[in-house]
Amino acid sequence: MTASRDTSRRGPAFAAVLGVLWLAMGVFYLGDGRTWLGLAGMALGAVSLVTWWWPDTAFARFVWTSPFRRKKGTDELSAPDRG
């Protein structure tokens, strides 16, 4: 099997748990009559489950990467110290 079709590789388990909880909350709010909260919960659940199902996509890496962490560019790493 190729790496893209390998079903043994999944994302972190907490992504699946969060996805199921968000979906359940969305269904609960839709049944309660709160449409926007229900749709928001279902959208967040779908995002979490997608990042669990396909963990190697650019979208999943973007979602689970901290916004405070940044990589240095190659020119900053290879430039000599001029200080």
PDB file of N, CA and C in Angstrom:
ATOM      1  N   MET A   1       0.836  -1.189   0.000  1.00  0.00           N
ATOM      2  CA  MET A   1       0.000   0.000   0.000  1.00  0.00           C
ATOM      3  C   MET A   1       0.874   1.242   0.000  1.00  0.00           C
ATOM      4  N   THR A   2       0.353   2.289  -0.589  1.00  0.00           N
ATOM      5  CA  THR A   2       1.085   3.544  -0.567  1.00  0.00           C
ATOM      6  C   THR A   2       0.839   4.254   0.749  1.00  0.00           C
ATOM      7  N   ALA A   3       1.662   5.227   1.027  1.00  0.00           N
ATOM      8  CA  ALA A   3       1.535   5.934   2.302  1.00  0.00           C
ATOM      9  C   ALA A   3       0.233   6.717   2.388  1.00  0.00           C
ATOM     10  N   SER A   4      -0.275   7.211   1.276  1.00  0.00           N
ATOM     11  CA  SER A   4      -1.505   7.990   1.322  1.00  0.00           C
ATOM     12  C   SER A   4      -2.739   7.115   1.552  1.00  0.00           C
ATOM     13  N   ARG A   5      -2.642   5.834   1.256  1.00  0.00           N
ATOM     14  CA  ARG A   5      -3.795   4.939   1.438  1.00  0.00           C
ATOM     15  C   ARG A   5      -3.627   4.005   2.626  1.00  0.00           C
ATOM     16  N   ASP A   6      -2.610   4.205   3.413  1.00  0.00           N
ATOM     17  CA  ASP A   6      -2.362   3.342   4.554  1.00  0.00           C
ATOM     18  C   ASP A   6      -3.324   3.707   5.674  1.00  0.00           C
ATOM     19  N   THR A   7      -4.171   2.761   6.078  1.00  0.00           N
ATOM     20  CA  THR A   7      -5.170   3.046   7.103  1.00  0.00           C
ATOM     21  C   THR A   7      -4.639   2.868   8.515  1.00  0.00           C
ATOM     22  N   SER A   8      -3.415   2.365   8.652  1.00  0.00           N
ATOM     23  CA  SER A   8      -2.881   2.186   9.995  1.00  0.00           C
ATOM     24  C   SER A   8      -2.339   3.491  10.558  1.00  0.00           C
ATOM     25  N   ARG A   9      -2.155   4.491   9.737  1.00  0.00           N
ATOM     26  CA  ARG A   9      -1.613   5.771  10.190  1.00  0.00           C
ATOM     27  C   ARG A   9      -2.750   6.755  10.380  1.00  0.00           C
ATOM     28  N   ARG A  10      -3.044   7.089  11.605  1.00  0.00           N
ATOM     29  CA  ARG A  10      -4.070   8.071  11.928  1.00  0.00           C
ATOM     30  C   ARG A  10      -3.470   9.132  12.830  1.00  0.00           C
ATOM     31  N   GLY A  11      -4.202  10.190  13.029  1.00  0.00           N
ATOM     32  CA  GLY A  11      -3.748  11.290  13.855  1.00  0.00           C
ATOM     33  C   GLY A  11      -3.871  10.964  15.334  1.00  0.00           C
ATOM     34  N   PRO A  12      -3.647  11.981  16.168  1.00  0.00           N
ATOM     35  CA  PRO A  12      -3.748  11.768  17.613  1.00  0.00           C
ATOM     36  C   PRO A  12      -5.171  11.392  18.032  1.00  0.00           C
ATOM     37  N   ALA A  13      -5.257  10.544  19.021  1.00  0.00           N
ATOM     38  CA  ALA A  13      -6.560  10.045  19.459  1.00  0.00           C
ATOM     39  C   ALA A  13      -7.442  11.157  20.022  1.00  0.00           C
ATOM     40  N   PHE A  14      -6.828  12.168  20.621  1.00  0.00           N
ATOM     41  CA  PHE A  14      -7.650  13.239  21.179  1.00  0.00           C
ATOM     42  C   PHE A  14      -8.353  14.028  20.074  1.00  0.00           C
ATOM     43  N   ALA A  15      -7.830  14.021  18.855  1.00  0.00           N
ATOM     44  CA  ALA A  15      -8.513  14.682  17.743  1.00  0.00           C
ATOM     45  C   ALA A  15      -9.820  13.965  17.432  1.00  0.00           C
ATOM     46  N   ALA A  16      -9.804  12.645  17.478  1.00  0.00           N
ATOM     47  CA  ALA A  16     -11.029  11.884  17.232  1.00  0.00           C
ATOM     48  C   ALA A  16     -12.033  12.090  18.358  1.00  0.00           C
ATOM     49  N   VAL A  17     -11.558  12.102  19.584  1.00  0.00           N
ATOM     50  CA  VAL A  17     -12.451  12.305  20.726  1.00  0.00           C
ATOM     51  C   VAL A  17     -13.070  13.701  20.674  1.00  0.00           C
ATOM     52  N   LEU A  18     -12.244  14.713  20.387  1.00  0.00           N
ATOM     53  CA  LEU A  18     -12.770  16.074  20.269  1.00  0.00           C
ATOM     54  C   LEU A  18     -13.790  16.168  19.139  1.00  0.00           C
ATOM     55  N   GLY A  19     -13.499  15.507  18.038  1.00  0.00           N
ATOM     56  CA  GLY A  19     -14.428  15.539  16.912  1.00  0.00           C
ATOM     57  C   GLY A  19     -15.777  14.941  17.249  1.00  0.00           C
ATOM     58  N   VAL A  20     -15.760  13.814  17.919  1.00  0.00           N
ATOM     59  CA  VAL A  20     -17.021  13.166  18.294  1.00  0.00           C
ATOM     60  C   VAL A  20     -17.782  14.015  19.316  1.00  0.00           C
ATOM     61  N   LEU A  21     -17.072  14.607  20.255  1.00  0.00           N
ATOM     62  CA  LEU A  21     -17.744  15.458  21.250  1.00  0.00           C
ATOM     63  C   LEU A  21     -18.342  16.710  20.609  1.00  0.00           C
ATOM     64  N   TRP A  22     -17.595  17.353  19.706  1.00  0.00           N
ATOM     65  CA  TRP A  22     -18.125  18.529  19.016  1.00  0.00           C
ATOM     66  C   TRP A  22     -19.346  18.168  18.180  1.00  0.00           C
ATOM     67  N   LEU A  23     -19.291  17.020  17.490  1.00  0.00           N
ATOM     68  CA  LEU A  23     -20.444  16.607  16.694  1.00  0.00           C
ATOM     69  C   LEU A  23     -21.662  16.329  17.569  1.00  0.00           C
ATOM     70  N   ALA A  24     -21.435  15.677  18.692  1.00  0.00           N
ATOM     71  CA  ALA A  24     -22.544  15.389  19.608  1.00  0.00           C
ATOM     72  C   ALA A  24     -23.149  16.683  20.148  1.00  0.00           C
ATOM     73  N   MET A  25     -22.299  17.644  20.478  1.00  0.00           N
ATOM     74  CA  MET A  25     -22.807  18.920  20.965  1.00  0.00           C
ATOM     75  C   MET A  25     -23.586  19.639  19.866  1.00  0.00           C
ATOM     76  N   GLY A  26     -23.096  19.555  18.628  1.00  0.00           N
ATOM     77  CA  GLY A  26     -23.806  20.178  17.514  1.00  0.00           C
ATOM     78  C   GLY A  26     -25.167  19.571  17.288  1.00  0.00           C
ATOM     79  N   VAL A  27     -25.256  18.256  17.360  1.00  0.00           N
ATOM     80  CA  VAL A  27     -26.551  17.587  17.190  1.00  0.00           C
ATOM     81  C   VAL A  27     -27.497  17.961  18.327  1.00  0.00           C
ATOM     82  N   PHE A  28     -26.966  18.039  19.546  1.00  0.00           N
ATOM     83  CA  PHE A  28     -27.789  18.428  20.689  1.00  0.00           C
ATOM     84  C   PHE A  28     -28.361  19.831  20.507  1.00  0.00           C
ATOM     85  N   TYR A  29     -27.514  20.775  20.093  1.00  0.00           N
ATOM     86  CA  TYR A  29     -27.991  22.146  19.918  1.00  0.00           C
ATOM     87  C   TYR A  29     -28.943  22.281  18.725  1.00  0.00           C
ATOM     88  N   LEU A  30     -28.730  21.502  17.679  1.00  0.00           N
ATOM     89  CA  LEU A  30     -29.686  21.534  16.567  1.00  0.00           C
ATOM     90  C   LEU A  30     -31.053  21.020  17.007  1.00  0.00           C
ATOM     91  N   GLY A  31     -31.054  19.983  17.811  1.00  0.00           N
ATOM     92  CA  GLY A  31     -32.315  19.446  18.319  1.00  0.00           C
ATOM     93  C   GLY A  31     -32.990  20.388  19.296  1.00  0.00           C
ATOM     94  N   ASP A  32     -32.204  21.219  19.969  1.00  0.00           N
ATOM     95  CA  ASP A  32     -32.727  22.171  20.939  1.00  0.00           C
ATOM     96  C   ASP A  32     -33.245  23.436  20.260  1.00  0.00           C
ATOM     97  N   GLY A  33     -32.963  23.571  18.969  1.00  0.00           N
ATOM     98  CA  GLY A  33     -33.449  24.742  18.249  1.00  0.00           C
ATOM     99  C   GLY A  33     -32.427  25.849  18.107  1.00  0.00           C
ATOM    100  N   ARG A  34     -31.240  25.660  18.567  1.00  0.00           N
ATOM    101  CA  ARG A  34     -30.185  26.669  18.444  1.00  0.00           C
ATOM    102  C   ARG A  34     -29.343  26.331  17.206  1.00  0.00           C
ATOM    103  N   THR A  35     -29.780  26.860  16.089  1.00  0.00           N
ATOM    104  CA  THR A  35     -29.210  26.476  14.802  1.00  0.00           C
ATOM    105  C   THR A  35     -27.743  26.856  14.683  1.00  0.00           C
ATOM    106  N   TRP A  36     -27.374  28.084  15.017  1.00  0.00           N
ATOM    107  CA  TRP A  36     -25.998  28.528  14.817  1.00  0.00           C
ATOM    108  C   TRP A  36     -25.025  27.780  15.722  1.00  0.00           C
ATOM    109  N   LEU A  37     -25.401  27.540  16.950  1.00  0.00           N
ATOM    110  CA  LEU A  37     -24.518  26.772  17.830  1.00  0.00           C
ATOM    111  C   LEU A  37     -24.391  25.335  17.347  1.00  0.00           C
ATOM    112  N   GLY A  38     -25.462  24.780  16.847  1.00  0.00           N
ATOM    113  CA  GLY A  38     -25.412  23.424  16.318  1.00  0.00           C
ATOM    114  C   GLY A  38     -24.525  23.316  15.097  1.00  0.00           C
ATOM    115  N   LEU A  39     -24.651  24.261  14.179  1.00  0.00           N
ATOM    116  CA  LEU A  39     -23.816  24.236  12.980  1.00  0.00           C
ATOM    117  C   LEU A  39     -22.346  24.481  13.313  1.00  0.00           C
ATOM    118  N   ALA A  40     -22.091  25.366  14.274  1.00  0.00           N
ATOM    119  CA  ALA A  40     -20.702  25.628  14.672  1.00  0.00           C
ATOM    120  C   ALA A  40     -20.085  24.388  15.316  1.00  0.00           C
ATOM    121  N   GLY A  41     -20.838  23.709  16.156  1.00  0.00           N
ATOM    122  CA  GLY A  41     -20.344  22.485  16.781  1.00  0.00           C
ATOM    123  C   GLY A  41     -20.077  21.397  15.766  1.00  0.00           C
ATOM    124  N   MET A  42     -20.953  21.271  14.796  1.00  0.00           N
ATOM    125  CA  MET A  42     -20.751  20.252  13.768  1.00  0.00           C
ATOM    126  C   MET A  42     -19.567  20.600  12.865  1.00  0.00           C
ATOM    127  N   ALA A  43     -19.351  21.874  12.593  1.00  0.00           N
ATOM    128  CA  ALA A  43     -18.201  22.281  11.777  1.00  0.00           C
ATOM    129  C   ALA A  43     -16.892  22.009  12.512  1.00  0.00           C
ATOM    130  N   LEU A  44     -16.834  22.332  13.793  1.00  0.00           N
ATOM    131  CA  LEU A  44     -15.627  22.051  14.571  1.00  0.00           C
ATOM    132  C   LEU A  44     -15.380  20.547  14.694  1.00  0.00           C
ATOM    133  N   GLY A  45     -16.437  19.785  14.829  1.00  0.00           N
ATOM    134  CA  GLY A  45     -16.296  18.338  14.868  1.00  0.00           C
ATOM    135  C   GLY A  45     -15.774  17.786  13.557  1.00  0.00           C
ATOM    136  N   ALA A  46     -16.257  18.326  12.465  1.00  0.00           N
ATOM    137  CA  ALA A  46     -15.789  17.875  11.151  1.00  0.00           C
ATOM    138  C   ALA A  46     -14.314  18.210  10.958  1.00  0.00           C
ATOM    139  N   VAL A  47     -13.894  19.392  11.387  1.00  0.00           N
ATOM    140  CA  VAL A  47     -12.475  19.779  11.276  1.00  0.00           C
ATOM    141  C   VAL A  47     -11.612  18.844  12.108  1.00  0.00           C
ATOM    142  N   SER A  48     -12.021  18.551  13.328  1.00  0.00           N
ATOM    143  CA  SER A  48     -11.238  17.658  14.177  1.00  0.00           C
ATOM    144  C   SER A  48     -11.146  16.252  13.592  1.00  0.00           C
ATOM    145  N   LEU A  49     -12.240  15.753  13.069  1.00  0.00           N
ATOM    146  CA  LEU A  49     -12.225  14.406  12.499  1.00  0.00           C
ATOM    147  C   LEU A  49     -11.418  14.347  11.199  1.00  0.00           C
ATOM    148  N   VAL A  50     -11.446  15.403  10.415  1.00  0.00           N
ATOM    149  CA  VAL A  50     -10.638  15.434   9.192  1.00  0.00           C
ATOM    150  C   VAL A  50      -9.155  15.432   9.533  1.00  0.00           C
ATOM    151  N   THR A  51      -8.765  16.185  10.554  1.00  0.00           N
ATOM    152  CA  THR A  51      -7.348  16.199  10.942  1.00  0.00           C
ATOM    153  C   THR A  51      -6.931  14.870  11.562  1.00  0.00           C
ATOM    154  N   TRP A  52      -7.862  14.131  12.129  1.00  0.00           N
ATOM    155  CA  TRP A  52      -7.530  12.800  12.637  1.00  0.00           C
ATOM    156  C   TRP A  52      -7.436  11.801  11.487  1.00  0.00           C
ATOM    157  N   TRP A  53      -8.363  11.900  10.535  1.00  0.00           N
ATOM    158  CA  TRP A  53      -8.417  10.930   9.451  1.00  0.00           C
ATOM    159  C   TRP A  53      -7.227  11.079   8.510  1.00  0.00           C
ATOM    160  N   TRP A  54      -6.849  12.324   8.188  1.00  0.00           N
ATOM    161  CA  TRP A  54      -5.717  12.600   7.294  1.00  0.00           C
ATOM    162  C   TRP A  54      -4.707  13.475   8.014  1.00  0.00           C
ATOM    163  N   PRO A  55      -3.851  12.903   8.877  1.00  0.00           N
ATOM    164  CA  PRO A  55      -2.947  13.722   9.697  1.00  0.00           C
ATOM    165  C   PRO A  55      -1.769  14.313   8.939  1.00  0.00           C
ATOM    166  N   ASP A  56      -1.467  13.839   7.736  1.00  0.00           N
ATOM    167  CA  ASP A  56      -0.292  14.312   7.016  1.00  0.00           C
ATOM    168  C   ASP A  56      -0.592  15.428   6.021  1.00  0.00           C
ATOM    169  N   THR A  57      -1.817  15.922   6.008  1.00  0.00           N
ATOM    170  CA  THR A  57      -2.148  16.995   5.082  1.00  0.00           C
ATOM    171  C   THR A  57      -1.660  18.334   5.621  1.00  0.00           C
ATOM    172  N   ALA A  58      -1.514  19.287   4.733  1.00  0.00           N
ATOM    173  CA  ALA A  58      -1.078  20.631   5.143  1.00  0.00           C
ATOM    174  C   ALA A  58      -2.113  21.267   6.069  1.00  0.00           C
ATOM    175  N   PHE A  59      -3.389  20.980   5.835  1.00  0.00           N
ATOM    176  CA  PHE A  59      -4.447  21.518   6.683  1.00  0.00           C
ATOM    177  C   PHE A  59      -4.318  21.017   8.116  1.00  0.00           C
ATOM    178  N   ALA A  60      -4.071  19.728   8.290  1.00  0.00           N
ATOM    179  CA  ALA A  60      -3.928  19.167   9.632  1.00  0.00           C
ATOM    180  C   ALA A  60      -2.698  19.728  10.331  1.00  0.00           C
ATOM    181  N   ARG A  61      -1.598  19.866   9.615  1.00  0.00           N
ATOM    182  CA  ARG A  61      -0.399  20.460  10.225  1.00  0.00           C
ATOM    183  C   ARG A  61      -0.650  21.901  10.625  1.00  0.00           C
ATOM    184  N   PHE A  62      -1.417  22.646   9.823  1.00  0.00           N
ATOM    185  CA  PHE A  62      -1.742  24.023  10.152  1.00  0.00           C
ATOM    186  C   PHE A  62      -2.619  24.105  11.398  1.00  0.00           C
ATOM    187  N   VAL A  63      -3.602  23.214  11.504  1.00  0.00           N
ATOM    188  CA  VAL A  63      -4.520  23.245  12.639  1.00  0.00           C
ATOM    189  C   VAL A  63      -3.813  22.908  13.946  1.00  0.00           C
ATOM    190  N   TRP A  64      -2.926  21.910  13.951  1.00  0.00           N
ATOM    191  CA  TRP A  64      -2.329  21.436  15.187  1.00  0.00           C
ATOM    192  C   TRP A  64      -0.978  22.076  15.528  1.00  0.00           C
ATOM    193  N   THR A  65      -0.473  22.987  14.691  1.00  0.00           N
ATOM    194  CA  THR A  65       0.787  23.661  14.984  1.00  0.00           C
ATOM    195  C   THR A  65       0.505  24.911  15.803  1.00  0.00           C
ATOM    196  N   SER A  66       1.330  25.150  16.781  1.00  0.00           N
ATOM    197  CA  SER A  66       1.178  26.318  17.631  1.00  0.00           C
ATOM    198  C   SER A  66       1.424  27.591  16.825  1.00  0.00           C
ATOM    199  N   PRO A  67       0.607  28.620  17.011  1.00  0.00           N
ATOM    200  CA  PRO A  67       0.833  29.856  16.253  1.00  0.00           C
ATOM    201  C   PRO A  67       2.077  30.615  16.712  1.00  0.00           C
ATOM    202  N   PHE A  68       2.630  30.265  17.856  1.00  0.00           N
ATOM    203  CA  PHE A  68       3.792  30.969  18.371  1.00  0.00           C
ATOM    204  C   PHE A  68       5.107  30.361  17.903  1.00  0.00           C
ATOM    205  N   ARG A  69       5.035  29.172  17.319  1.00  0.00           N
ATOM    206  CA  ARG A  69       6.245  28.524  16.842  1.00  0.00           C
ATOM    207  C   ARG A  69       6.466  28.890  15.386  1.00  0.00           C
ATOM    208  N   ARG A  70       7.646  29.340  15.043  1.00  0.00           N
ATOM    209  CA  ARG A  70       7.926  29.640  13.646  1.00  0.00           C
ATOM    210  C   ARG A  70       9.281  29.065  13.280  1.00  0.00           C
ATOM    211  N   LYS A  71       9.417  28.731  12.035  1.00  0.00           N
ATOM    212  CA  LYS A  71      10.677  28.187  11.560  1.00  0.00           C
ATOM    213  C   LYS A  71      11.490  29.313  10.944  1.00  0.00           C
ATOM    214  N   LYS A  72      12.805  29.224  11.113  1.00  0.00           N
ATOM    215  CA  LYS A  72      13.664  30.199  10.465  1.00  0.00           C
ATOM    216  C   LYS A  72      13.834  29.812   9.013  1.00  0.00           C
ATOM    217  N   GLY A  73      13.958  30.802   8.185  1.00  0.00           N
ATOM    218  CA  GLY A  73      14.174  30.553   6.767  1.00  0.00           C
ATOM    219  C   GLY A  73      15.568  29.995   6.524  1.00  0.00           C
ATOM    220  N   THR A  74      15.785  29.443   5.353  1.00  0.00           N
ATOM    221  CA  THR A  74      17.092  28.846   5.051  1.00  0.00           C
ATOM    222  C   THR A  74      18.176  29.902   4.957  1.00  0.00           C
ATOM    223  N   ASP A  75      17.821  31.131   4.561  1.00  0.00           N
ATOM    224  CA  ASP A  75      18.847  32.167   4.479  1.00  0.00           C
ATOM    225  C   ASP A  75      19.315  32.588   5.864  1.00  0.00           C
ATOM    226  N   GLU A  76      18.437  32.540   6.865  1.00  0.00           N
ATOM    227  CA  GLU A  76      18.839  32.890   8.228  1.00  0.00           C
ATOM    228  C   GLU A  76      19.697  31.798   8.844  1.00  0.00           C
ATOM    229  N   LEU A  77      19.480  30.555   8.470  1.00  0.00           N
ATOM    230  CA  LEU A  77      20.256  29.458   9.031  1.00  0.00           C
ATOM    231  C   LEU A  77      21.640  29.365   8.409  1.00  0.00           C
ATOM    232  N   SER A  78      21.758  29.672   7.120  1.00  0.00           N
ATOM    233  CA  SER A  78      23.027  29.490   6.444  1.00  0.00           C
ATOM    234  C   SER A  78      23.889  30.755   6.420  1.00  0.00           C
ATOM    235  N   ALA A  79      23.336  31.889   6.785  1.00  0.00           N
ATOM    236  CA  ALA A  79      24.104  33.141   6.751  1.00  0.00           C
ATOM    237  C   ALA A  79      25.128  33.155   7.868  1.00  0.00           C
ATOM    238  N   PRO A  80      26.346  33.649   7.591  1.00  0.00           N
ATOM    239  CA  PRO A  80      27.352  33.727   8.639  1.00  0.00           C
ATOM    240  C   PRO A  80      26.988  34.787   9.674  1.00  0.00           C
ATOM    241  N   ASP A  81      27.474  34.617  10.862  1.00  0.00           N
ATOM    242  CA  ASP A  81      27.191  35.548  11.942  1.00  0.00           C
ATOM    243  C   ASP A  81      27.973  36.840  11.695  1.00  0.00           C
ATOM    244  N   ARG A  82      27.275  37.944  11.603  1.00  0.00           N
ATOM    245  CA  ARG A  82      27.928  39.231  11.303  1.00  0.00           C
ATOM    246  C   ARG A  82      27.956  40.129  12.518  1.00  0.00           C
ATOM    247  N   GLY A  83      27.790  39.584  13.661  1.00  0.00           N
ATOM    248  CA  GLY A  83      27.671  40.369  14.857  1.00  0.00           C
ATOM    249  C   GLY A  83      28.904  40.710  15.507  1.00  0.00           C
TER     250      GLY A  83
END
